[in-house]
Amino acid sequence: MSVFDLTLFQQTLLAVVGLLLLGSVAALIRGWATRRESLIWAGICLAAGAAVLWPGTTSRIARTVGIGRGADLVFYCAVIVMMIGFWMVYIRLRRVRREITLLVRHQAMLDAERQARRTDQDKKASESSQQPPGDESAGREGG
């Protein structure tokens, strides 16, 4: 099968899938994704590319598992993958929100401690500036 035997739609899909595959490899190299995440995305990209190149294969697999058409199989698999992806994003978002909450709480406590130290220093400074310099006899009776 050559590139010229593919429809324009298949060529476009293969280009998009290829870019996504390169993106998952780049994410792994740059440290944006773990090895496991990159392998999962690479597997999804390769499966999508195979489905685009050999659409008859999805029909045969679909009939084997009791689904009528290959397009339905691809749709069901896409829905499952999206649900898993959304769940993973949801879990990650909750963890990030929790970490932000803890970080903001910690920063607020540090700011409060800093403010309390500044207030204490300001009080000490104002108390020492109210006594005239060298007048240590203030408050003593007699001499």
N, C-alpha and C. Protein backbone atom coordinates (compact mmCIF):
# COMPACT_ATOMS: atom_id res chain seq x y z
N MET A 1 0.85 -1.18 0.00
CA MET A 1 0.00 0.00 0.00
C MET A 1 0.89 1.24 0.00
N SER A 2 0.68 2.10 -0.96
CA SER A 2 1.47 3.34 -1.02
C SER A 2 0.63 4.50 -0.52
N VAL A 3 1.30 5.61 -0.36
CA VAL A 3 0.62 6.82 0.11
C VAL A 3 -0.44 7.24 -0.90
N PHE A 4 -0.20 6.94 -2.17
CA PHE A 4 -1.14 7.37 -3.21
C PHE A 4 -2.41 6.52 -3.22
N ASP A 5 -2.37 5.34 -2.59
CA ASP A 5 -3.56 4.50 -2.51
C ASP A 5 -4.49 4.94 -1.38
N LEU A 6 -4.01 5.80 -0.50
CA LEU A 6 -4.82 6.26 0.63
C LEU A 6 -5.68 7.44 0.21
N THR A 7 -6.83 7.56 0.84
CA THR A 7 -7.68 8.72 0.58
C THR A 7 -7.07 9.94 1.26
N LEU A 8 -7.54 11.10 0.88
CA LEU A 8 -7.05 12.34 1.50
C LEU A 8 -7.35 12.32 3.00
N PHE A 9 -8.52 11.78 3.37
CA PHE A 9 -8.90 11.71 4.77
C PHE A 9 -7.92 10.81 5.53
N GLN A 10 -7.57 9.66 4.97
CA GLN A 10 -6.62 8.76 5.63
C GLN A 10 -5.25 9.42 5.75
N GLN A 11 -4.82 10.11 4.71
CA GLN A 11 -3.52 10.80 4.77
C GLN A 11 -3.52 11.86 5.87
N THR A 12 -4.62 12.60 5.96
CA THR A 12 -4.73 13.64 6.99
C THR A 12 -4.70 13.02 8.38
N LEU A 13 -5.48 11.96 8.59
CA LEU A 13 -5.50 11.30 9.88
C LEU A 13 -4.14 10.73 10.24
N LEU A 14 -3.46 10.14 9.28
CA LEU A 14 -2.12 9.61 9.56
C LEU A 14 -1.15 10.72 9.94
N ALA A 15 -1.27 11.87 9.29
CA ALA A 15 -0.40 13.01 9.64
C ALA A 15 -0.67 13.47 11.07
N VAL A 16 -1.95 13.56 11.44
CA VAL A 16 -2.31 13.98 12.80
C VAL A 16 -1.82 12.96 13.81
N VAL A 17 -2.04 11.68 13.53
CA VAL A 17 -1.59 10.62 14.44
C VAL A 17 -0.06 10.64 14.56
N GLY A 18 0.63 10.87 13.45
CA GLY A 18 2.08 10.96 13.49
C GLY A 18 2.57 12.12 14.34
N LEU A 19 1.90 13.26 14.23
CA LEU A 19 2.26 14.41 15.06
C LEU A 19 2.01 14.12 16.54
N LEU A 20 0.90 13.46 16.83
CA LEU A 20 0.62 13.09 18.23
C LEU A 20 1.67 12.12 18.76
N LEU A 21 2.10 11.19 17.93
CA LEU A 21 3.14 10.25 18.33
C LEU A 21 4.45 10.98 18.61
N LEU A 22 4.80 11.90 17.73
CA LEU A 22 6.01 12.71 17.96
C LEU A 22 5.87 13.55 19.22
N GLY A 23 4.67 14.05 19.47
CA GLY A 23 4.43 14.83 20.67
C GLY A 23 4.62 14.00 21.93
N SER A 24 4.17 12.75 21.91
CA SER A 24 4.35 11.90 23.10
C SER A 24 5.82 11.57 23.32
N VAL A 25 6.56 11.39 22.24
CA VAL A 25 8.01 11.14 22.37
C VAL A 25 8.71 12.39 22.89
N ALA A 26 8.33 13.55 22.36
CA ALA A 26 8.93 14.81 22.82
C ALA A 26 8.61 15.06 24.29
N ALA A 27 7.38 14.73 24.71
CA ALA A 27 7.00 14.90 26.11
C ALA A 27 7.85 14.01 27.01
N LEU A 28 8.14 12.82 26.55
CA LEU A 28 9.00 11.91 27.32
C LEU A 28 10.41 12.47 27.42
N ILE A 29 10.95 12.93 26.31
CA ILE A 29 12.31 13.45 26.30
C ILE A 29 12.45 14.69 27.18
N ARG A 30 11.45 15.57 27.14
CA ARG A 30 11.51 16.81 27.91
C ARG A 30 11.10 16.63 29.37
N GLY A 31 10.65 15.44 29.72
CA GLY A 31 10.28 15.18 31.10
C GLY A 31 8.88 15.64 31.46
N TRP A 32 8.04 15.94 30.46
CA TRP A 32 6.68 16.38 30.71
C TRP A 32 5.76 15.20 30.99
N ALA A 33 6.18 14.00 30.61
CA ALA A 33 5.36 12.81 30.79
C ALA A 33 6.27 11.68 31.27
N THR A 34 5.67 10.78 32.01
CA THR A 34 6.43 9.61 32.47
C THR A 34 6.57 8.63 31.31
N ARG A 35 7.43 7.67 31.51
CA ARG A 35 7.64 6.65 30.49
C ARG A 35 6.33 5.88 30.25
N ARG A 36 5.62 5.57 31.34
CA ARG A 36 4.36 4.83 31.20
C ARG A 36 3.34 5.62 30.41
N GLU A 37 3.19 6.91 30.74
CA GLU A 37 2.23 7.75 30.01
C GLU A 37 2.60 7.83 28.53
N SER A 38 3.87 8.01 28.25
CA SER A 38 4.31 8.11 26.86
C SER A 38 4.07 6.80 26.10
N LEU A 39 4.32 5.68 26.76
CA LEU A 39 4.08 4.40 26.11
C LEU A 39 2.59 4.18 25.84
N ILE A 40 1.76 4.57 26.78
CA ILE A 40 0.31 4.43 26.58
C ILE A 40 -0.14 5.28 25.39
N TRP A 41 0.31 6.54 25.36
CA TRP A 41 -0.09 7.41 24.25
C TRP A 41 0.50 6.91 22.92
N ALA A 42 1.71 6.43 22.96
CA ALA A 42 2.30 5.88 21.73
C ALA A 42 1.49 4.67 21.25
N GLY A 43 1.08 3.82 22.18
CA GLY A 43 0.25 2.66 21.81
C GLY A 43 -1.07 3.07 21.21
N ILE A 44 -1.69 4.09 21.79
CA ILE A 44 -2.96 4.59 21.24
C ILE A 44 -2.75 5.16 19.84
N CYS A 45 -1.66 5.90 19.67
CA CYS A 45 -1.36 6.47 18.34
C CYS A 45 -1.11 5.37 17.32
N LEU A 46 -0.35 4.36 17.71
CA LEU A 46 -0.07 3.27 16.77
C LEU A 46 -1.34 2.49 16.43
N ALA A 47 -2.20 2.26 17.42
CA ALA A 47 -3.46 1.56 17.16
C ALA A 47 -4.34 2.40 16.23
N ALA A 48 -4.38 3.71 16.46
CA ALA A 48 -5.17 4.58 15.59
C ALA A 48 -4.60 4.58 14.17
N GLY A 49 -3.29 4.62 14.07
CA GLY A 49 -2.67 4.57 12.74
C GLY A 49 -2.96 3.26 12.02
N ALA A 50 -2.93 2.16 12.75
CA ALA A 50 -3.24 0.86 12.15
C ALA A 50 -4.70 0.82 11.71
N ALA A 51 -5.60 1.38 12.50
CA ALA A 51 -7.02 1.40 12.13
C ALA A 51 -7.25 2.25 10.88
N VAL A 52 -6.47 3.32 10.73
CA VAL A 52 -6.60 4.16 9.54
C VAL A 52 -6.03 3.44 8.32
N LEU A 53 -4.88 2.80 8.49
CA LEU A 53 -4.25 2.12 7.36
C LEU A 53 -5.00 0.87 6.91
N TRP A 54 -5.50 0.11 7.86
CA TRP A 54 -6.17 -1.15 7.55
C TRP A 54 -7.56 -1.18 8.19
N PRO A 55 -8.51 -0.45 7.62
CA PRO A 55 -9.84 -0.37 8.23
C PRO A 55 -10.56 -1.72 8.27
N GLY A 56 -10.23 -2.63 7.38
CA GLY A 56 -10.86 -3.96 7.38
C GLY A 56 -10.52 -4.76 8.63
N THR A 57 -9.35 -4.49 9.19
CA THR A 57 -8.93 -5.20 10.39
C THR A 57 -9.86 -4.89 11.56
N THR A 58 -10.28 -3.63 11.68
CA THR A 58 -11.18 -3.28 12.77
C THR A 58 -12.52 -4.00 12.62
N SER A 59 -12.97 -4.21 11.39
CA SER A 59 -14.22 -4.94 11.17
C SER A 59 -14.08 -6.39 11.58
N ARG A 60 -12.95 -7.00 11.24
CA ARG A 60 -12.73 -8.41 11.63
C ARG A 60 -12.66 -8.55 13.15
N ILE A 61 -11.93 -7.65 13.80
CA ILE A 61 -11.83 -7.70 15.26
C ILE A 61 -13.21 -7.46 15.88
N ALA A 62 -13.97 -6.52 15.32
CA ALA A 62 -15.30 -6.20 15.85
C ALA A 62 -16.20 -7.44 15.77
N ARG A 63 -16.19 -8.12 14.65
CA ARG A 63 -17.02 -9.33 14.52
C ARG A 63 -16.57 -10.41 15.48
N THR A 64 -15.27 -10.49 15.73
CA THR A 64 -14.74 -11.50 16.65
C THR A 64 -15.25 -11.27 18.08
N VAL A 65 -15.34 -10.01 18.49
CA VAL A 65 -15.78 -9.71 19.85
C VAL A 65 -17.29 -9.48 19.95
N GLY A 66 -18.01 -9.66 18.85
CA GLY A 66 -19.47 -9.57 18.89
C GLY A 66 -20.06 -8.21 18.60
N ILE A 67 -19.26 -7.33 18.00
CA ILE A 67 -19.74 -6.01 17.60
C ILE A 67 -19.90 -6.04 16.09
N GLY A 68 -20.96 -5.42 15.60
CA GLY A 68 -21.28 -5.51 14.17
C GLY A 68 -20.27 -4.89 13.23
N ARG A 69 -19.84 -3.67 13.51
CA ARG A 69 -18.99 -2.96 12.56
C ARG A 69 -17.69 -2.50 13.21
N GLY A 70 -16.68 -2.33 12.40
CA GLY A 70 -15.39 -1.84 12.88
C GLY A 70 -15.47 -0.42 13.38
N ALA A 71 -16.32 0.40 12.74
CA ALA A 71 -16.48 1.79 13.18
C ALA A 71 -17.06 1.84 14.59
N ASP A 72 -17.98 0.92 14.88
CA ASP A 72 -18.54 0.87 16.24
C ASP A 72 -17.46 0.49 17.25
N LEU A 73 -16.63 -0.47 16.89
CA LEU A 73 -15.55 -0.88 17.78
C LEU A 73 -14.61 0.29 18.07
N VAL A 74 -14.25 1.01 17.03
CA VAL A 74 -13.37 2.17 17.20
C VAL A 74 -14.04 3.21 18.08
N PHE A 75 -15.34 3.45 17.86
CA PHE A 75 -16.06 4.42 18.67
C PHE A 75 -16.10 3.99 20.14
N TYR A 76 -16.43 2.73 20.40
CA TYR A 76 -16.48 2.25 21.79
C TYR A 76 -15.11 2.35 22.46
N CYS A 77 -14.09 1.98 21.74
CA CYS A 77 -12.73 2.08 22.30
C CYS A 77 -12.36 3.54 22.58
N ALA A 78 -12.74 4.43 21.66
CA ALA A 78 -12.45 5.85 21.87
C ALA A 78 -13.18 6.39 23.10
N VAL A 79 -14.42 5.97 23.28
CA VAL A 79 -15.19 6.42 24.44
C VAL A 79 -14.52 5.93 25.72
N ILE A 80 -14.11 4.67 25.74
CA ILE A 80 -13.45 4.13 26.94
C ILE A 80 -12.14 4.85 27.22
N VAL A 81 -11.35 5.08 26.19
CA VAL A 81 -10.08 5.78 26.37
C VAL A 81 -10.32 7.21 26.87
N MET A 82 -11.34 7.88 26.33
CA MET A 82 -11.64 9.23 26.79
C MET A 82 -12.11 9.24 28.24
N MET A 83 -12.92 8.27 28.60
CA MET A 83 -13.37 8.20 30.00
C MET A 83 -12.19 7.98 30.94
N ILE A 84 -11.29 7.10 30.57
CA ILE A 84 -10.09 6.87 31.39
C ILE A 84 -9.25 8.14 31.46
N GLY A 85 -9.08 8.80 30.32
CA GLY A 85 -8.31 10.04 30.28
C GLY A 85 -8.94 11.13 31.14
N PHE A 86 -10.25 11.29 31.04
CA PHE A 86 -10.93 12.29 31.87
C PHE A 86 -10.80 11.96 33.34
N TRP A 87 -10.91 10.68 33.68
CA TRP A 87 -10.76 10.28 35.08
C TRP A 87 -9.36 10.61 35.59
N MET A 88 -8.34 10.32 34.78
CA MET A 88 -6.97 10.61 35.18
C MET A 88 -6.75 12.11 35.35
N VAL A 89 -7.31 12.90 34.45
CA VAL A 89 -7.18 14.36 34.57
C VAL A 89 -7.91 14.86 35.82
N TYR A 90 -9.07 14.31 36.08
CA TYR A 90 -9.84 14.68 37.27
C TYR A 90 -9.05 14.39 38.54
N ILE A 91 -8.46 13.19 38.62
CA ILE A 91 -7.67 12.81 39.80
C ILE A 91 -6.47 13.75 39.94
N ARG A 92 -5.80 14.01 38.85
CA ARG A 92 -4.63 14.90 38.89
C ARG A 92 -5.04 16.32 39.30
N LEU A 93 -6.16 16.80 38.79
CA LEU A 93 -6.64 18.13 39.14
C LEU A 93 -6.96 18.21 40.62
N ARG A 94 -7.59 17.19 41.18
CA ARG A 94 -7.89 17.19 42.62
C ARG A 94 -6.61 17.21 43.44
N ARG A 95 -5.60 16.44 43.00
CA ARG A 95 -4.33 16.42 43.73
C ARG A 95 -3.64 17.78 43.66
N VAL A 96 -3.66 18.41 42.50
CA VAL A 96 -3.04 19.72 42.34
C VAL A 96 -3.77 20.76 43.19
N ARG A 97 -5.11 20.70 43.21
CA ARG A 97 -5.87 21.63 44.04
C ARG A 97 -5.53 21.44 45.52
N ARG A 98 -5.39 20.20 45.96
CA ARG A 98 -5.03 19.92 47.36
C ARG A 98 -3.63 20.47 47.67
N GLU A 99 -2.69 20.25 46.75
CA GLU A 99 -1.34 20.76 46.96
C GLU A 99 -1.33 22.29 47.01
N ILE A 100 -2.12 22.93 46.16
CA ILE A 100 -2.20 24.39 46.18
C ILE A 100 -2.78 24.87 47.50
N THR A 101 -3.83 24.18 47.97
CA THR A 101 -4.43 24.55 49.25
C THR A 101 -3.41 24.47 50.38
N LEU A 102 -2.66 23.37 50.41
CA LEU A 102 -1.65 23.20 51.45
C LEU A 102 -0.56 24.26 51.34
N LEU A 103 -0.16 24.56 50.13
CA LEU A 103 0.88 25.56 49.90
C LEU A 103 0.41 26.95 50.33
N VAL A 104 -0.82 27.31 49.97
CA VAL A 104 -1.35 28.62 50.35
C VAL A 104 -1.50 28.70 51.86
N ARG A 105 -1.96 27.63 52.49
CA ARG A 105 -2.11 27.62 53.95
C ARG A 105 -0.74 27.81 54.61
N HIS A 106 0.26 27.10 54.12
CA HIS A 106 1.61 27.22 54.67
C HIS A 106 2.14 28.64 54.49
N GLN A 107 1.93 29.21 53.30
CA GLN A 107 2.40 30.57 53.04
C GLN A 107 1.68 31.58 53.94
N ALA A 108 0.40 31.37 54.18
CA ALA A 108 -0.34 32.27 55.07
C ALA A 108 0.20 32.21 56.49
N MET A 109 0.56 31.02 56.94
CA MET A 109 1.13 30.90 58.29
C MET A 109 2.49 31.59 58.37
N LEU A 110 3.30 31.43 57.33
CA LEU A 110 4.60 32.12 57.31
C LEU A 110 4.41 33.63 57.32
N ASP A 111 3.47 34.11 56.52
CA ASP A 111 3.20 35.55 56.48
C ASP A 111 2.72 36.06 57.83
N ALA A 112 1.87 35.28 58.51
CA ALA A 112 1.37 35.69 59.83
C ALA A 112 2.52 35.75 60.84
N GLU A 113 3.42 34.77 60.81
CA GLU A 113 4.57 34.79 61.71
C GLU A 113 5.46 35.99 61.44
N ARG A 114 5.69 36.28 60.17
CA ARG A 114 6.50 37.44 59.79
C ARG A 114 5.86 38.73 60.27
N GLN A 115 4.56 38.83 60.09
CA GLN A 115 3.84 40.04 60.53
C GLN A 115 3.90 40.18 62.05
N ALA A 116 3.79 39.07 62.77
CA ALA A 116 3.85 39.11 64.24
C ALA A 116 5.24 39.56 64.68
N ARG A 117 6.30 39.08 64.04
CA ARG A 117 7.66 39.51 64.39
C ARG A 117 7.84 41.00 64.10
N ARG A 118 7.32 41.46 62.98
CA ARG A 118 7.43 42.88 62.65
C ARG A 118 6.69 43.74 63.67
N THR A 119 5.52 43.29 64.08
CA THR A 119 4.75 44.04 65.08
C THR A 119 5.51 44.09 66.39
N ASP A 120 6.09 42.98 66.82
CA ASP A 120 6.88 42.97 68.05
C ASP A 120 8.08 43.91 67.94
N GLN A 121 8.76 43.89 66.81
CA GLN A 121 9.91 44.76 66.61
C GLN A 121 9.48 46.23 66.61
N ASP A 122 8.34 46.52 66.00
CA ASP A 122 7.84 47.90 65.98
C ASP A 122 7.49 48.37 67.38
N LYS A 123 6.89 47.51 68.20
CA LYS A 123 6.55 47.87 69.58
C LYS A 123 7.81 48.16 70.38
N LYS A 124 8.81 47.29 70.25
CA LYS A 124 10.07 47.49 70.98
C LYS A 124 10.73 48.78 70.54
N ALA A 125 10.70 49.04 69.24
CA ALA A 125 11.32 50.26 68.73
C ALA A 125 10.59 51.50 69.23
N SER A 126 9.27 51.45 69.29
CA SER A 126 8.52 52.63 69.75
C SER A 126 8.69 52.83 71.25
N GLU A 127 8.80 51.75 72.03
CA GLU A 127 9.02 51.88 73.47
C GLU A 127 10.39 52.48 73.75
N SER A 128 11.39 52.06 73.01
CA SER A 128 12.73 52.58 73.26
C SER A 128 12.86 54.02 72.76
N SER A 129 12.07 54.42 71.79
CA SER A 129 12.17 55.79 71.29
C SER A 129 11.38 56.76 72.15
N GLN A 130 10.50 56.28 73.02
CA GLN A 130 9.72 57.18 73.88
C GLN A 130 10.54 57.66 75.07
N GLN A 131 11.52 56.93 75.54
CA GLN A 131 12.39 57.37 76.64
C GLN A 131 13.46 58.27 76.06
N PRO A 132 13.66 59.43 76.65
CA PRO A 132 14.72 60.30 76.15
C PRO A 132 16.07 59.61 76.36
N PRO A 133 16.97 59.80 75.44
CA PRO A 133 18.29 59.18 75.57
C PRO A 133 19.04 59.72 76.79
N GLY A 134 19.64 58.85 77.53
CA GLY A 134 20.44 59.24 78.67
C GLY A 134 19.62 59.51 79.91
N ASP A 135 18.31 59.47 79.84
CA ASP A 135 17.46 59.73 81.00
C ASP A 135 17.07 58.40 81.62
N GLU A 136 18.01 57.86 82.32
CA GLU A 136 17.77 56.57 82.94
C GLU A 136 17.18 56.71 84.33
N SER A 137 17.12 57.96 84.85
CA SER A 137 16.59 58.17 86.19
C SER A 137 15.07 58.27 86.18
N ALA A 138 14.46 58.26 85.01
CA ALA A 138 13.01 58.36 84.93
C ALA A 138 12.40 57.17 85.62
N GLY A 139 11.45 57.47 86.49
CA GLY A 139 10.80 56.39 87.22
C GLY A 139 11.45 56.11 88.53
N ARG A 140 12.64 56.71 88.87
CA ARG A 140 13.29 56.50 90.17
C ARG A 140 12.99 57.67 91.07
N GLU A 141 12.85 57.37 92.34
CA GLU A 141 12.62 58.47 93.28
C GLU A 141 13.93 58.83 93.96
N GLY A 142 14.09 60.07 94.22
CA GLY A 142 15.28 60.51 94.91
C GLY A 142 16.53 60.38 94.05
N GLY A 143 17.59 60.44 94.52
CA GLY A 143 18.77 60.42 93.71
C GLY A 143 19.82 59.63 94.19
